[in-house]
Protein backbone atom coordinates (compact mmCIF):
# COMPACT_ATOMS: atom_id res chain seq x y z
CA MET A 1 158.31 66.60 139.38
CA ARG A 2 157.20 64.50 141.90
CA GLY A 3 157.77 67.02 144.37
CA LEU A 4 155.14 69.52 142.70
CA TYR A 5 152.63 66.94 142.48
CA PRO A 6 152.81 64.70 145.48
CA TYR A 7 149.36 62.99 144.42
CA PRO A 8 148.41 61.43 141.22
CA MET A 9 146.58 63.91 139.07
CA ALA A 10 143.62 61.41 138.90
CA GLU A 11 143.11 61.56 142.59
CA ASN A 12 143.31 65.19 142.62
CA ASN A 13 140.96 66.04 139.68
CA PRO A 14 137.50 65.22 140.48
CA TYR A 15 136.59 65.81 136.97
CA ALA A 16 139.04 63.24 135.71
CA ASN A 17 136.61 60.47 134.76
CA ASP A 18 133.88 63.10 133.53
CA ALA A 19 133.57 63.09 129.94
CA GLY A 20 130.85 65.55 130.20
CA GLY A 21 132.28 68.18 132.38
CA PHE A 22 129.63 68.59 135.04
CA ASP A 23 127.19 65.89 134.38
CA ASP A 24 128.19 64.04 137.49
CA LEU A 25 127.54 67.04 139.92
CA ASP A 26 124.51 66.33 142.32
CA GLY A 27 122.00 69.25 142.27
CA PRO A 28 118.18 70.38 141.55
CA GLN A 29 117.06 69.98 138.18
CA ARG A 30 116.21 73.68 136.82
CA THR A 31 113.46 74.52 134.48
CA SER A 32 114.62 76.04 131.31
CA ALA A 33 114.15 79.76 131.08
CA MET A 34 113.88 79.32 127.16
CA ALA A 35 110.88 76.98 127.40
CA VAL A 36 109.14 79.20 129.82
CA VAL A 37 109.72 82.37 127.48
CA SER A 38 108.42 80.07 124.62
CA LEU A 39 105.07 79.32 126.41
CA VAL A 40 104.42 82.85 127.60
CA MET A 41 105.31 84.25 123.87
CA SER A 42 102.82 81.83 122.53
CA LEU A 43 99.98 82.47 124.83
CA VAL A 44 100.36 86.28 124.31
CA CYS A 45 98.05 85.64 121.10
CA CYS A 46 96.87 89.15 121.09
CA ILE A 47 99.97 90.41 119.48
CA PRO A 48 100.62 89.13 115.82
CA GLY A 49 103.95 87.36 115.24
CA LEU A 50 104.71 86.35 119.04
CA GLY A 51 103.10 83.03 118.34
CA LEU A 52 105.86 82.36 115.55
CA LEU A 53 108.62 83.69 118.05
CA GLY A 54 107.28 81.38 120.70
CA ALA A 55 107.51 78.51 118.68
CA ALA A 56 110.97 79.26 117.61
CA PHE A 57 112.03 79.67 121.14
CA GLY A 58 110.49 76.43 122.11
CA VAL A 59 112.61 74.52 119.30
CA VAL A 60 115.72 76.05 120.79
CA ALA A 61 114.56 75.02 124.44
CA LEU A 62 114.05 71.58 123.38
CA MET A 63 117.52 71.50 121.91
CA GLY A 64 119.09 72.84 125.00
CA ILE A 65 117.08 70.45 127.09
CA GLY A 66 118.26 67.70 125.17
CA ARG A 67 121.99 68.66 125.42
CA SER A 68 121.50 68.98 129.39
CA ARG A 69 121.44 65.20 129.93
CA GLY A 70 118.85 65.86 132.48
CA ARG A 71 120.09 69.05 134.48
CA VAL A 72 117.66 71.02 132.64
CA GLY A 73 113.84 70.55 132.51
CA GLY A 74 110.81 72.33 130.94
CA LYS A 75 110.45 69.92 127.85
CA GLY A 76 106.55 70.03 128.25
CA MET A 77 106.45 73.88 128.29
CA ALA A 78 108.67 73.77 125.23
CA MET A 79 106.27 71.47 123.55
CA ALA A 80 103.25 73.39 124.57
CA GLY A 81 104.95 76.58 123.44
CA ILE A 82 105.77 75.23 119.79
CA ILE A 83 102.03 73.61 119.61
CA VAL A 84 100.35 76.88 120.84
CA GLY A 85 102.58 79.16 118.85
CA VAL A 86 102.16 77.08 115.81
CA LEU A 87 98.33 77.09 116.19
CA MET A 88 98.15 80.94 116.89
CA THR A 89 100.40 81.74 113.99
CA VAL A 90 97.93 79.55 111.48
CA ALA A 91 95.20 81.57 113.13
CA TRP A 92 96.73 84.88 112.44
CA ILE A 93 97.70 84.06 108.97
CA SER A 94 93.93 82.96 108.36
CA PHE A 95 92.59 86.07 109.96
CA ALA A 96 94.97 88.24 107.75
CA ALA A 97 94.07 86.55 104.45
CA THR A 98 90.56 87.15 105.46
CA THR A 99 90.90 90.59 106.29
CA VAL A 100 92.89 91.69 103.08
CA SER A 101 90.14 89.64 101.03
CA ALA A 102 87.36 91.53 102.63
CA PHE A 103 89.39 95.01 102.24
CA LYS A 104 90.00 94.03 98.45
CA LYS A 105 86.39 93.32 97.91
CA ALA A 106 85.36 96.57 99.74
CA ALA A 107 87.68 98.56 97.47
CA GLU A 108 86.31 97.11 94.70
CA GLN A 109 82.53 97.39 95.11
CA PHE A 110 82.60 100.45 97.34
CA TYR A 111 85.66 102.70 97.56
CA SER A 112 86.41 102.46 93.86
CA PRO A 113 82.61 103.20 92.84
CA LEU A 114 82.72 105.91 95.43
CA ASN A 115 85.84 107.62 94.20
CA GLN A 116 84.30 107.45 90.56
CA MET A 117 81.06 109.01 91.68
CA MET A 118 83.01 112.09 93.30
CA THR A 119 85.23 112.37 90.37
CA GLU A 120 82.40 112.61 88.22
CA ILE A 121 80.65 115.45 90.47
CA GLU A 122 83.93 117.16 90.71
CA ALA A 123 83.74 117.40 86.83
CA GLY A 124 80.11 118.47 86.84
CA ASP A 125 78.94 115.46 85.00
CA TYR A 126 75.82 114.59 87.25
CA ASP A 127 74.39 112.01 85.01
CA ALA A 128 77.43 109.87 85.02
CA ALA A 129 77.65 110.34 88.83
CA ARG A 130 73.92 109.15 88.99
CA ALA A 131 75.07 106.02 86.93
CA VAL A 132 77.83 104.81 89.54
CA PHE A 133 75.09 103.76 91.75
CA PRO A 134 71.79 103.53 89.63
CA GLY A 135 69.71 101.76 92.08
CA ALA A 136 70.46 103.68 94.99
CA PRO A 137 68.35 106.43 96.55
CA ILE A 138 71.24 108.84 96.03
CA ALA A 139 70.84 108.53 92.40
CA SER A 140 67.73 110.52 92.42
CA ALA A 141 69.40 113.66 93.63
CA THR A 142 68.83 116.68 91.27
CA ASP A 143 71.20 118.43 89.51
CA GLU A 144 70.53 121.51 91.70
CA GLN A 145 71.54 119.30 94.90
CA PHE A 146 74.62 117.92 93.24
CA GLU A 147 75.60 121.64 92.23
CA ALA A 148 74.98 123.14 95.50
CA PHE A 149 76.92 120.19 97.07
CA ARG A 150 80.03 120.66 95.01
CA ALA A 151 80.12 124.40 95.29
CA SER A 152 79.77 124.04 99.17
CA TYR A 153 82.82 121.56 99.33
CA GLN A 154 84.88 123.35 97.06
CA ALA A 155 84.36 126.72 99.00
CA GLU A 156 85.39 124.91 102.30
CA LEU A 157 87.90 122.35 101.27
CA GLY A 158 88.86 123.12 97.68
CA SER A 159 88.39 120.62 94.84
CA PHE A 160 87.91 116.82 95.36
CA ASP A 161 91.16 114.95 94.55
CA SER A 162 90.60 111.14 95.26
CA ILE A 163 89.27 108.48 97.64
CA PRO A 164 92.09 105.71 98.26
CA THR A 165 91.27 102.45 96.50
CA ASP A 166 94.67 100.61 97.21
CA LEU A 167 94.70 98.54 100.48
CA MET A 168 97.75 100.13 102.01
CA GLU A 169 96.57 103.61 100.75
CA ILE A 170 93.14 103.10 102.79
CA PHE A 171 94.80 101.64 105.78
CA ASN A 172 97.41 104.49 105.89
CA MET A 173 94.76 107.46 105.22
CA TYR A 174 92.36 105.97 107.90
CA LEU A 175 95.25 106.61 110.45
CA GLU A 176 95.68 110.04 109.31
CA VAL A 177 91.83 110.76 109.76
CA GLY A 178 91.50 108.84 112.98
CA GLN A 179 91.31 111.72 115.07
CA GLN A 180 88.63 113.59 113.05
CA MET A 181 86.60 110.13 113.21
CA GLN A 182 86.72 110.20 117.26
CA GLY A 183 83.52 110.84 118.74
CA MET A 184 81.36 109.75 115.53
CA GLN A 185 78.36 107.52 116.58
CA GLN A 186 76.07 105.37 114.69
CA PRO A 187 72.59 107.15 114.68
CA GLN A 188 70.23 105.21 117.14
CA GLY A 189 67.03 103.70 115.82
CA GLY A 190 65.98 104.03 112.22
CA GLN A 191 67.46 102.04 109.24
CA VAL A 192 70.50 104.12 108.11
CA VAL A 193 73.91 103.35 109.34
CA ILE A 194 76.90 105.59 108.66
CA ALA A 195 80.51 104.45 107.09
CA PRO A 196 83.20 106.66 107.42
CA VAL A 197 85.53 107.23 104.24
CA PRO A 198 89.08 108.70 103.80
CA ALA A 199 89.04 111.19 101.23
CA VAL A 200 91.45 114.05 99.80
CA PHE A 201 90.66 117.58 98.85
CA VAL A 202 93.35 119.76 97.17
CA GLY A 203 92.83 122.84 99.47
CA ASN A 204 92.43 120.66 102.79
CA GLY A 205 94.37 117.25 102.46
CA PRO A 206 92.95 114.08 103.83
CA THR A 207 89.44 114.45 105.60
CA VAL A 208 86.42 112.29 106.31
CA MET A 209 83.62 111.46 104.09
CA ILE A 210 80.50 109.93 105.58
CA VAL A 211 78.44 107.63 103.46
CA ARG A 212 75.01 106.69 104.73
CA ILE A 213 73.78 103.21 104.01
CA ASN A 214 70.41 101.40 104.20
CA PRO A 215 71.62 97.80 104.83
CA ASN A 216 67.86 96.54 104.16
CA GLN A 217 68.21 97.81 100.60
CA ALA A 218 71.44 96.14 100.30
CA SER A 219 70.21 92.78 101.32
CA GLY A 220 67.52 93.04 98.67
CA GLY A 221 70.05 93.04 95.80
CA GLY A 222 69.76 97.10 95.51
CA ASP A 223 72.44 99.87 96.00
CA PRO A 224 72.36 100.78 99.56
CA ILE A 225 73.76 104.41 99.57
CA VAL A 226 71.28 107.01 100.85
CA ASP A 227 73.49 110.02 101.17
CA ILE A 228 77.14 111.12 101.11
CA SER A 229 78.43 114.29 103.13
CA VAL A 230 81.77 115.90 103.73
CA VAL A 231 82.99 116.41 107.40
CA LEU A 232 84.48 119.97 107.77
CA PRO A 233 87.14 120.95 110.15
CA ASP A 234 84.70 122.26 112.67
CA SER A 235 83.06 118.69 112.62
CA SER A 236 79.85 120.04 110.75
CA GLU A 237 78.82 118.26 107.64
CA LEU A 238 78.17 119.21 103.81
CA SER A 239 75.46 116.57 102.77
CA LEU A 240 74.60 116.00 99.13
CA VAL A 241 70.86 115.53 100.40
CA PRO A 242 70.25 117.81 103.29
CA GLN A 243 68.81 115.92 106.22
CA GLY A 244 64.90 115.74 106.23
CA LEU A 245 64.63 116.20 102.37
CA SER A 246 64.29 113.35 99.93
CA ALA A 247 66.69 112.88 96.87
CA ALA A 248 64.07 114.33 94.78
CA PRO A 249 61.52 116.30 96.29
CA SER A 250 58.16 116.75 94.83
CA ALA A 251 55.41 119.35 95.31
CA PRO A 252 52.20 118.26 97.03
CA PRO A 253 49.11 118.18 94.91
CA LEU A 254 46.57 120.87 95.80
CA PRO A 255 42.64 120.59 95.74
CA GLY A 256 41.51 120.24 92.38
CA GLY A 257 44.32 118.45 90.82
CA THR A 258 46.78 121.54 90.85
CA VAL A 259 50.30 121.43 91.91
CA ASP A 260 51.98 124.26 94.14
CA ASP A 261 55.15 124.99 92.25
CA ALA A 262 58.29 126.87 93.55
CA ALA A 263 57.08 130.17 92.76
CA GLY A 264 53.45 129.45 94.63
CA ASP A 265 51.58 129.49 91.25
CA ASP A 266 48.72 126.92 90.57
CA VAL A 267 49.76 124.82 87.65
CA PRO A 268 46.35 123.08 86.24
């Protein structure tokens, strides 16, 4: 056996006294790749969830750095990745909670009443339709305007089915009508803004309804809806109150206190 091993094993094995394997090897300290990934992922805060992954990678990096006995650096990066990742995660959670709350409020105060109003119009109960937004300008639309609106959208799209009122349904339907909403612009000047709302019609499927709103009236505590319209496949609109007309037009008085009626006769 001596012939096979002419020198003592301790003299031949450079690691005989090294309990950690490679700890006594000389060489430059390297930076933990996991720490770098942690910091980068935490800083990419525009994508939800990456902050949480960045913080998790930072924890793993710290554990690896601790076990390396000085061979691996990057502890500062790992700590920064954890801190930034946690902060970004908290920010995204707060943003998501605020968004969900806003959508729920909108569904309760806007989408649900609008769905009810369209359901009443579809049923031909125009008094009930007016009662949904009693203080809004749209509530003064005449029976003839309601009837003409219903007949027009039924001829083009079929009967009204529903406007989504559930948060996920609203989100999914906006995705479906996204292409139809492209190119829609807010009117320049004036006090009226438009709000696109997804709706389902039996003969057409999801489409876009446009709700015209007067924010000044909303700030005064009133119902702000001025008009509603349905966007057709050719991008034209069917409005409840045709543009340029008031919801309930009245004939101007003629000299002598008479009023010109629709037939052109003088009414004393």
